[in-house]
Amino acid sequence: MSNIIHQVDHQQFVCLIAGQEARLRYRRLDAHTVDAYSTFVPPELRAQGLADQLARAFFEWTQSAGLTIVPSCRYIDVWLSRNNNG
């Protein structure tokens, strides 16, 4: 797995590779709910599984924190369905 960093202050998970940043952004809707609203991987880094790794890190964090996910990002919505979490 790539080095995924949770930047709590910026409400995002990021992965830096060769100066490029892949990221998953979320926002807190309330104390128990987060909206995953954007997943982005630069074209140069695509097809390496980074979006999946970001989604997995985000999901693990929400589960450990007891949070509910609202997936307004289409990628996260599909990811949750495919991983039997949605």
PDB file of N, CA and C in Angstrom:
ATOM      1  N   MET A   1       0.841  -1.185   0.000  1.00  0.00           N
ATOM      2  CA  MET A   1       0.000   0.000   0.000  1.00  0.00           C
ATOM      3  C   MET A   1       0.880   1.240   0.000  1.00  0.00           C
ATOM      4  N   SER A   2       0.458   2.241  -0.734  1.00  0.00           N
ATOM      5  CA  SER A   2       1.172   3.509  -0.768  1.00  0.00           C
ATOM      6  C   SER A   2       1.024   4.220   0.571  1.00  0.00           C
ATOM      7  N   ASN A   3       1.826   5.235   0.765  1.00  0.00           N
ATOM      8  CA  ASN A   3       1.790   5.987   2.006  1.00  0.00           C
ATOM      9  C   ASN A   3       0.609   6.956   1.987  1.00  0.00           C
ATOM     10  N   ILE A   4      -0.479   6.577   2.615  1.00  0.00           N
ATOM     11  CA  ILE A   4      -1.685   7.396   2.689  1.00  0.00           C
ATOM     12  C   ILE A   4      -1.637   8.201   3.981  1.00  0.00           C
ATOM     13  N   ILE A   5      -1.859   9.496   3.872  1.00  0.00           N
ATOM     14  CA  ILE A   5      -1.842  10.386   5.032  1.00  0.00           C
ATOM     15  C   ILE A   5      -3.234  10.970   5.224  1.00  0.00           C
ATOM     16  N   HIS A   6      -3.728  10.912   6.450  1.00  0.00           N
ATOM     17  CA  HIS A   6      -5.015  11.530   6.777  1.00  0.00           C
ATOM     18  C   HIS A   6      -4.735  12.933   7.286  1.00  0.00           C
ATOM     19  N   GLN A   7      -5.106  13.924   6.515  1.00  0.00           N
ATOM     20  CA  GLN A   7      -4.943  15.322   6.902  1.00  0.00           C
ATOM     21  C   GLN A   7      -6.272  15.795   7.493  1.00  0.00           C
ATOM     22  N   VAL A   8      -6.413  15.613   8.786  1.00  0.00           N
ATOM     23  CA  VAL A   8      -7.669  15.892   9.474  1.00  0.00           C
ATOM     24  C   VAL A   8      -8.081  17.353   9.302  1.00  0.00           C
ATOM     25  N   ASP A   9      -7.139  18.285   9.452  1.00  0.00           N
ATOM     26  CA  ASP A   9      -7.463  19.709   9.339  1.00  0.00           C
ATOM     27  C   ASP A   9      -8.001  20.082   7.961  1.00  0.00           C
ATOM     28  N   HIS A  10      -7.586  19.353   6.937  1.00  0.00           N
ATOM     29  CA  HIS A  10      -8.043  19.622   5.567  1.00  0.00           C
ATOM     30  C   HIS A  10      -9.152  18.662   5.137  1.00  0.00           C
ATOM     31  N   GLN A  11      -9.550  17.775   6.031  1.00  0.00           N
ATOM     32  CA  GLN A  11     -10.593  16.785   5.776  1.00  0.00           C
ATOM     33  C   GLN A  11     -10.330  16.030   4.469  1.00  0.00           C
ATOM     34  N   GLN A  12      -9.154  15.416   4.410  1.00  0.00           N
ATOM     35  CA  GLN A  12      -8.809  14.640   3.224  1.00  0.00           C
ATOM     36  C   GLN A  12      -7.767  13.576   3.544  1.00  0.00           C
ATOM     37  N   PHE A  13      -7.746  12.568   2.683  1.00  0.00           N
ATOM     38  CA  PHE A  13      -6.707  11.547   2.684  1.00  0.00           C
ATOM     39  C   PHE A  13      -5.891  11.802   1.429  1.00  0.00           C
ATOM     40  N   VAL A  14      -4.566  11.809   1.555  1.00  0.00           N
ATOM     41  CA  VAL A  14      -3.715  12.090   0.400  1.00  0.00           C
ATOM     42  C   VAL A  14      -2.613  11.054   0.275  1.00  0.00           C
ATOM     43  N   CYS A  15      -2.132  10.923  -0.948  1.00  0.00           N
ATOM     44  CA  CYS A  15      -0.993  10.076  -1.260  1.00  0.00           C
ATOM     45  C   CYS A  15      -0.122  10.865  -2.227  1.00  0.00           C
ATOM     46  N   LEU A  16       1.126  11.121  -1.841  1.00  0.00           N
ATOM     47  CA  LEU A  16       2.052  11.861  -2.689  1.00  0.00           C
ATOM     48  C   LEU A  16       3.029  10.902  -3.340  1.00  0.00           C
ATOM     49  N   ILE A  17       3.102  10.960  -4.667  1.00  0.00           N
ATOM     50  CA  ILE A  17       4.040  10.137  -5.425  1.00  0.00           C
ATOM     51  C   ILE A  17       4.656  11.009  -6.506  1.00  0.00           C
ATOM     52  N   ALA A  18       5.976  11.104  -6.502  1.00  0.00           N
ATOM     53  CA  ALA A  18       6.712  11.861  -7.523  1.00  0.00           C
ATOM     54  C   ALA A  18       6.149  13.270  -7.699  1.00  0.00           C
ATOM     55  N   GLY A  19       5.839  13.925  -6.598  1.00  0.00           N
ATOM     56  CA  GLY A  19       5.336  15.289  -6.648  1.00  0.00           C
ATOM     57  C   GLY A  19       3.879  15.427  -7.049  1.00  0.00           C
ATOM     58  N   GLN A  20       3.207  14.320  -7.291  1.00  0.00           N
ATOM     59  CA  GLN A  20       1.790  14.327  -7.663  1.00  0.00           C
ATOM     60  C   GLN A  20       0.960  13.912  -6.447  1.00  0.00           C
ATOM     61  N   GLU A  21      -0.226  14.498  -6.309  1.00  0.00           N
ATOM     62  CA  GLU A  21      -1.078  14.212  -5.160  1.00  0.00           C
ATOM     63  C   GLU A  21      -2.400  13.581  -5.578  1.00  0.00           C
ATOM     64  N   ALA A  22      -2.633  12.376  -5.082  1.00  0.00           N
ATOM     65  CA  ALA A  22      -3.947  11.735  -5.209  1.00  0.00           C
ATOM     66  C   ALA A  22      -4.666  12.023  -3.899  1.00  0.00           C
ATOM     67  N   ARG A  23      -6.000  12.242  -3.963  1.00  0.00           N
ATOM     68  CA  ARG A  23      -6.688  12.618  -2.734  1.00  0.00           C
ATOM     69  C   ARG A  23      -8.152  12.187  -2.723  1.00  0.00           C
ATOM     70  N   LEU A  24      -8.632  12.004  -1.523  1.00  0.00           N
ATOM     71  CA  LEU A  24     -10.047  11.763  -1.264  1.00  0.00           C
ATOM     72  C   LEU A  24     -10.461  12.827  -0.262  1.00  0.00           C
ATOM     73  N   ARG A  25     -11.453  13.621  -0.631  1.00  0.00           N
ATOM     74  CA  ARG A  25     -11.915  14.697   0.246  1.00  0.00           C
ATOM     75  C   ARG A  25     -13.277  14.345   0.839  1.00  0.00           C
ATOM     76  N   TYR A  26     -13.456  14.787   2.069  1.00  0.00           N
ATOM     77  CA  TYR A  26     -14.719  14.548   2.764  1.00  0.00           C
ATOM     78  C   TYR A  26     -15.075  15.772   3.584  1.00  0.00           C
ATOM     79  N   ARG A  27     -16.312  15.816   4.042  1.00  0.00           N
ATOM     80  CA  ARG A  27     -16.737  16.878   4.958  1.00  0.00           C
ATOM     81  C   ARG A  27     -17.621  16.251   6.034  1.00  0.00           C
ATOM     82  N   ARG A  28     -17.514  16.795   7.218  1.00  0.00           N
ATOM     83  CA  ARG A  28     -18.357  16.339   8.327  1.00  0.00           C
ATOM     84  C   ARG A  28     -19.732  16.960   8.161  1.00  0.00           C
ATOM     85  N   LEU A  29     -20.749  16.131   8.177  1.00  0.00           N
ATOM     86  CA  LEU A  29     -22.120  16.632   8.114  1.00  0.00           C
ATOM     87  C   LEU A  29     -22.680  16.857   9.512  1.00  0.00           C
ATOM     88  N   ASP A  30     -22.251  16.013  10.437  1.00  0.00           N
ATOM     89  CA  ASP A  30     -22.584  16.161  11.854  1.00  0.00           C
ATOM     90  C   ASP A  30     -21.584  15.309  12.629  1.00  0.00           C
ATOM     91  N   ALA A  31     -21.811  15.127  13.898  1.00  0.00           N
ATOM     92  CA  ALA A  31     -20.852  14.404  14.740  1.00  0.00           C
ATOM     93  C   ALA A  31     -20.685  12.941  14.353  1.00  0.00           C
ATOM     94  N   HIS A  32     -21.654  12.391  13.612  1.00  0.00           N
ATOM     95  CA  HIS A  32     -21.623  10.962  13.306  1.00  0.00           C
ATOM     96  C   HIS A  32     -21.618  10.631  11.816  1.00  0.00           C
ATOM     97  N   THR A  33     -21.602  11.662  10.961  1.00  0.00           N
ATOM     98  CA  THR A  33     -21.753  11.435   9.524  1.00  0.00           C
ATOM     99  C   THR A  33     -20.728  12.235   8.733  1.00  0.00           C
ATOM    100  N   VAL A  34     -20.123  11.572   7.737  1.00  0.00           N
ATOM    101  CA  VAL A  34     -19.192  12.254   6.832  1.00  0.00           C
ATOM    102  C   VAL A  34     -19.620  12.020   5.385  1.00  0.00           C
ATOM    103  N   ASP A  35     -19.423  13.038   4.571  1.00  0.00           N
ATOM    104  CA  ASP A  35     -19.730  12.973   3.149  1.00  0.00           C
ATOM    105  C   ASP A  35     -18.415  12.873   2.386  1.00  0.00           C
ATOM    106  N   ALA A  36     -18.203  11.760   1.695  1.00  0.00           N
ATOM    107  CA  ALA A  36     -17.048  11.613   0.798  1.00  0.00           C
ATOM    108  C   ALA A  36     -17.486  12.223  -0.526  1.00  0.00           C
ATOM    109  N   TYR A  37     -16.973  13.415  -0.849  1.00  0.00           N
ATOM    110  CA  TYR A  37     -17.489  14.140  -2.003  1.00  0.00           C
ATOM    111  C   TYR A  37     -16.544  14.225  -3.194  1.00  0.00           C
ATOM    112  N   SER A  38     -15.287  13.813  -3.037  1.00  0.00           N
ATOM    113  CA  SER A  38     -14.367  13.922  -4.171  1.00  0.00           C
ATOM    114  C   SER A  38     -13.202  12.947  -4.028  1.00  0.00           C
ATOM    115  N   THR A  39     -12.931  12.232  -5.105  1.00  0.00           N
ATOM    116  CA  THR A  39     -11.741  11.386  -5.196  1.00  0.00           C
ATOM    117  C   THR A  39     -11.042  11.772  -6.487  1.00  0.00           C
ATOM    118  N   PHE A  40      -9.742  12.078  -6.399  1.00  0.00           N
ATOM    119  CA  PHE A  40      -8.997  12.493  -7.585  1.00  0.00           C
ATOM    120  C   PHE A  40      -7.632  11.822  -7.603  1.00  0.00           C
ATOM    121  N   VAL A  41      -7.281  11.280  -8.755  1.00  0.00           N
ATOM    122  CA  VAL A  41      -5.947  10.729  -8.998  1.00  0.00           C
ATOM    123  C   VAL A  41      -5.452  11.366 -10.293  1.00  0.00           C
ATOM    124  N   PRO A  42      -4.264  12.010 -10.273  1.00  0.00           N
ATOM    125  CA  PRO A  42      -3.740  12.617 -11.493  1.00  0.00           C
ATOM    126  C   PRO A  42      -3.591  11.571 -12.605  1.00  0.00           C
ATOM    127  N   PRO A  43      -3.772  11.981 -13.851  1.00  0.00           N
ATOM    128  CA  PRO A  43      -3.675  11.034 -14.972  1.00  0.00           C
ATOM    129  C   PRO A  43      -2.394  10.195 -14.958  1.00  0.00           C
ATOM    130  N   GLU A  44      -1.286  10.791 -14.557  1.00  0.00           N
ATOM    131  CA  GLU A  44      -0.001  10.082 -14.549  1.00  0.00           C
ATOM    132  C   GLU A  44       0.042   8.946 -13.527  1.00  0.00           C
ATOM    133  N   LEU A  45      -0.840   8.996 -12.546  1.00  0.00           N
ATOM    134  CA  LEU A  45      -0.825   7.994 -11.468  1.00  0.00           C
ATOM    135  C   LEU A  45      -1.987   7.011 -11.539  1.00  0.00           C
ATOM    136  N   ARG A  46      -2.806   7.128 -12.562  1.00  0.00           N
ATOM    137  CA  ARG A  46      -3.980   6.255 -12.661  1.00  0.00           C
ATOM    138  C   ARG A  46      -3.584   4.825 -13.014  1.00  0.00           C
ATOM    139  N   ALA A  47      -4.502   3.910 -12.793  1.00  0.00           N
ATOM    140  CA  ALA A  47      -4.329   2.478 -13.073  1.00  0.00           C
ATOM    141  C   ALA A  47      -3.276   1.836 -12.167  1.00  0.00           C
ATOM    142  N   GLN A  48      -3.086   2.405 -10.981  1.00  0.00           N
ATOM    143  CA  GLN A  48      -2.160   1.842  -9.999  1.00  0.00           C
ATOM    144  C   GLN A  48      -2.876   1.465  -8.700  1.00  0.00           C
ATOM    145  N   GLY A  49      -4.191   1.629  -8.681  1.00  0.00           N
ATOM    146  CA  GLY A  49      -4.957   1.271  -7.498  1.00  0.00           C
ATOM    147  C   GLY A  49      -4.974   2.313  -6.398  1.00  0.00           C
ATOM    148  N   LEU A  50      -4.558   3.541  -6.702  1.00  0.00           N
ATOM    149  CA  LEU A  50      -4.498   4.566  -5.657  1.00  0.00           C
ATOM    150  C   LEU A  50      -5.877   4.976  -5.155  1.00  0.00           C
ATOM    151  N   ALA A  51      -6.842   5.104  -6.045  1.00  0.00           N
ATOM    152  CA  ALA A  51      -8.195   5.470  -5.607  1.00  0.00           C
ATOM    153  C   ALA A  51      -8.742   4.402  -4.661  1.00  0.00           C
ATOM    154  N   ASP A  52      -8.496   3.145  -4.974  1.00  0.00           N
ATOM    155  CA  ASP A  52      -8.928   2.054  -4.104  1.00  0.00           C
ATOM    156  C   ASP A  52      -8.252   2.151  -2.738  1.00  0.00           C
ATOM    157  N   GLN A  53      -6.969   2.444  -2.719  1.00  0.00           N
ATOM    158  CA  GLN A  53      -6.243   2.559  -1.454  1.00  0.00           C
ATOM    159  C   GLN A  53      -6.761   3.729  -0.620  1.00  0.00           C
ATOM    160  N   LEU A  54      -7.052   4.852  -1.282  1.00  0.00           N
ATOM    161  CA  LEU A  54      -7.618   6.003  -0.575  1.00  0.00           C
ATOM    162  C   LEU A  54      -8.988   5.646   0.006  1.00  0.00           C
ATOM    163  N   ALA A  55      -9.815   4.987  -0.798  1.00  0.00           N
ATOM    164  CA  ALA A  55     -11.152   4.590  -0.343  1.00  0.00           C
ATOM    165  C   ALA A  55     -11.053   3.634   0.841  1.00  0.00           C
ATOM    166  N   ARG A  56     -10.136   2.687   0.771  1.00  0.00           N
ATOM    167  CA  ARG A  56      -9.974   1.715   1.852  1.00  0.00           C
ATOM    168  C   ARG A  56      -9.522   2.406   3.146  1.00  0.00           C
ATOM    169  N   ALA A  57      -8.571   3.334   3.041  1.00  0.00           N
ATOM    170  CA  ALA A  57      -8.099   4.068   4.222  1.00  0.00           C
ATOM    171  C   ALA A  57      -9.231   4.901   4.823  1.00  0.00           C
ATOM    172  N   PHE A  58      -9.999   5.553   3.962  1.00  0.00           N
ATOM    173  CA  PHE A  58     -11.142   6.346   4.414  1.00  0.00           C
ATOM    174  C   PHE A  58     -12.168   5.455   5.111  1.00  0.00           C
ATOM    175  N   PHE A  59     -12.491   4.325   4.490  1.00  0.00           N
ATOM    176  CA  PHE A  59     -13.468   3.403   5.065  1.00  0.00           C
ATOM    177  C   PHE A  59     -12.995   2.886   6.423  1.00  0.00           C
ATOM    178  N   GLU A  60     -11.740   2.494   6.520  1.00  0.00           N
ATOM    179  CA  GLU A  60     -11.210   1.987   7.792  1.00  0.00           C
ATOM    180  C   GLU A  60     -11.288   3.050   8.879  1.00  0.00           C
ATOM    181  N   TRP A  61     -10.984   4.299   8.515  1.00  0.00           N
ATOM    182  CA  TRP A  61     -11.073   5.393   9.484  1.00  0.00           C
ATOM    183  C   TRP A  61     -12.510   5.589   9.953  1.00  0.00           C
ATOM    184  N   THR A  62     -13.459   5.619   9.015  1.00  0.00           N
ATOM    185  CA  THR A  62     -14.858   5.830   9.407  1.00  0.00           C
ATOM    186  C   THR A  62     -15.358   4.693  10.293  1.00  0.00           C
ATOM    187  N   GLN A  63     -14.957   3.468   9.974  1.00  0.00           N
ATOM    188  CA  GLN A  63     -15.389   2.330  10.785  1.00  0.00           C
ATOM    189  C   GLN A  63     -14.817   2.413  12.192  1.00  0.00           C
ATOM    190  N   SER A  64     -13.535   2.735  12.311  1.00  0.00           N
ATOM    191  CA  SER A  64     -12.917   2.808  13.640  1.00  0.00           C
ATOM    192  C   SER A  64     -13.467   3.975  14.456  1.00  0.00           C
ATOM    193  N   ALA A  65     -13.924   5.034  13.768  1.00  0.00           N
ATOM    194  CA  ALA A  65     -14.479   6.199  14.459  1.00  0.00           C
ATOM    195  C   ALA A  65     -15.993   6.092  14.656  1.00  0.00           C
ATOM    196  N   GLY A  66     -16.601   5.022  14.146  1.00  0.00           N
ATOM    197  CA  GLY A  66     -18.042   4.841  14.286  1.00  0.00           C
ATOM    198  C   GLY A  66     -18.863   5.828  13.472  1.00  0.00           C
ATOM    199  N   LEU A  67     -18.335   6.221  12.313  1.00  0.00           N
ATOM    200  CA  LEU A  67     -19.007   7.209  11.468  1.00  0.00           C
ATOM    201  C   LEU A  67     -19.801   6.557  10.348  1.00  0.00           C
ATOM    202  N   THR A  68     -20.839   7.234   9.920  1.00  0.00           N
ATOM    203  CA  THR A  68     -21.641   6.813   8.779  1.00  0.00           C
ATOM    204  C   THR A  68     -21.175   7.592   7.558  1.00  0.00           C
ATOM    205  N   ILE A  69     -21.056   6.905   6.418  1.00  0.00           N
ATOM    206  CA  ILE A  69     -20.598   7.538   5.180  1.00  0.00           C
ATOM    207  C   ILE A  69     -21.786   7.892   4.296  1.00  0.00           C
ATOM    208  N   VAL A  70     -21.796   9.137   3.816  1.00  0.00           N
ATOM    209  CA  VAL A  70     -22.704   9.568   2.759  1.00  0.00           C
ATOM    210  C   VAL A  70     -21.817   9.711   1.522  1.00  0.00           C
ATOM    211  N   PRO A  71     -21.959   8.835   0.543  1.00  0.00           N
ATOM    212  CA  PRO A  71     -21.048   8.854  -0.610  1.00  0.00           C
ATOM    213  C   PRO A  71     -21.559   9.704  -1.778  1.00  0.00           C
ATOM    214  N   SER A  72     -21.397  11.035  -1.702  1.00  0.00           N
ATOM    215  CA  SER A  72     -21.817  11.852  -2.841  1.00  0.00           C
ATOM    216  C   SER A  72     -20.813  11.761  -3.991  1.00  0.00           C
ATOM    217  N   CYS A  73     -19.605  11.286  -3.715  1.00  0.00           N
ATOM    218  CA  CYS A  73     -18.622  10.995  -4.770  1.00  0.00           C
ATOM    219  C   CYS A  73     -19.021   9.669  -5.425  1.00  0.00           C
ATOM    220  N   ARG A  74     -19.179   9.678  -6.722  1.00  0.00           N
ATOM    221  CA  ARG A  74     -19.609   8.474  -7.450  1.00  0.00           C
ATOM    222  C   ARG A  74     -18.633   7.314  -7.234  1.00  0.00           C
ATOM    223  N   TYR A  75     -17.325   7.596  -7.248  1.00  0.00           N
ATOM    224  CA  TYR A  75     -16.346   6.521  -7.059  1.00  0.00           C
ATOM    225  C   TYR A  75     -16.556   5.833  -5.709  1.00  0.00           C
ATOM    226  N   ILE A  76     -16.733   6.616  -4.660  1.00  0.00           N
ATOM    227  CA  ILE A  76     -16.915   6.040  -3.325  1.00  0.00           C
ATOM    228  C   ILE A  76     -18.233   5.283  -3.244  1.00  0.00           C
ATOM    229  N   ASP A  77     -19.269   5.803  -3.868  1.00  0.00           N
ATOM    230  CA  ASP A  77     -20.555   5.110  -3.895  1.00  0.00           C
ATOM    231  C   ASP A  77     -20.405   3.723  -4.520  1.00  0.00           C
ATOM    232  N   VAL A  78     -19.744   3.655  -5.664  1.00  0.00           N
ATOM    233  CA  VAL A  78     -19.525   2.372  -6.346  1.00  0.00           C
ATOM    234  C   VAL A  78     -18.592   1.490  -5.520  1.00  0.00           C
ATOM    235  N   TRP A  79     -17.531   2.062  -4.962  1.00  0.00           N
ATOM    236  CA  TRP A  79     -16.571   1.297  -4.153  1.00  0.00           C
ATOM    237  C   TRP A  79     -17.274   0.627  -2.978  1.00  0.00           C
ATOM    238  N   LEU A  80     -18.131   1.379  -2.288  1.00  0.00           N
ATOM    239  CA  LEU A  80     -18.851   0.808  -1.149  1.00  0.00           C
ATOM    240  C   LEU A  80     -19.751  -0.342  -1.593  1.00  0.00           C
ATOM    241  N   SER A  81     -20.420  -0.174  -2.714  1.00  0.00           N
ATOM    242  CA  SER A  81     -21.291  -1.239  -3.232  1.00  0.00           C
ATOM    243  C   SER A  81     -20.496  -2.484  -3.592  1.00  0.00           C
ATOM    244  N   ARG A  82     -19.375  -2.299  -4.246  1.00  0.00           N
ATOM    245  CA  ARG A  82     -18.546  -3.433  -4.674  1.00  0.00           C
ATOM    246  C   ARG A  82     -17.887  -4.149  -3.509  1.00  0.00           C
ATOM    247  N   ASN A  83     -17.659  -3.427  -2.449  1.00  0.00           N
ATOM    248  CA  ASN A  83     -17.007  -4.021  -1.285  1.00  0.00           C
ATOM    249  C   ASN A  83     -18.011  -4.427  -0.216  1.00  0.00           C
ATOM    250  N   ASN A  84     -19.284  -4.513  -0.611  1.00  0.00           N
ATOM    251  CA  ASN A  84     -20.366  -4.944   0.288  1.00  0.00           C
ATOM    252  C   ASN A  84     -20.464  -4.100   1.549  1.00  0.00           C
ATOM    253  N   ASN A  85     -20.146  -2.817   1.420  1.00  0.00           N
ATOM    254  CA  ASN A  85     -20.212  -1.918   2.568  1.00  0.00           C
ATOM    255  C   ASN A  85     -21.285  -0.857   2.393  1.00  0.00           C
ATOM    256  N   GLY A  86     -21.974  -0.877   1.284  1.00  0.00           N
ATOM    257  CA  GLY A  86     -22.939   0.184   1.019  1.00  0.00           C
ATOM    258  C   GLY A  86     -24.351  -0.306   1.071  1.00  0.00           C
TER     259      GLY A  86
END
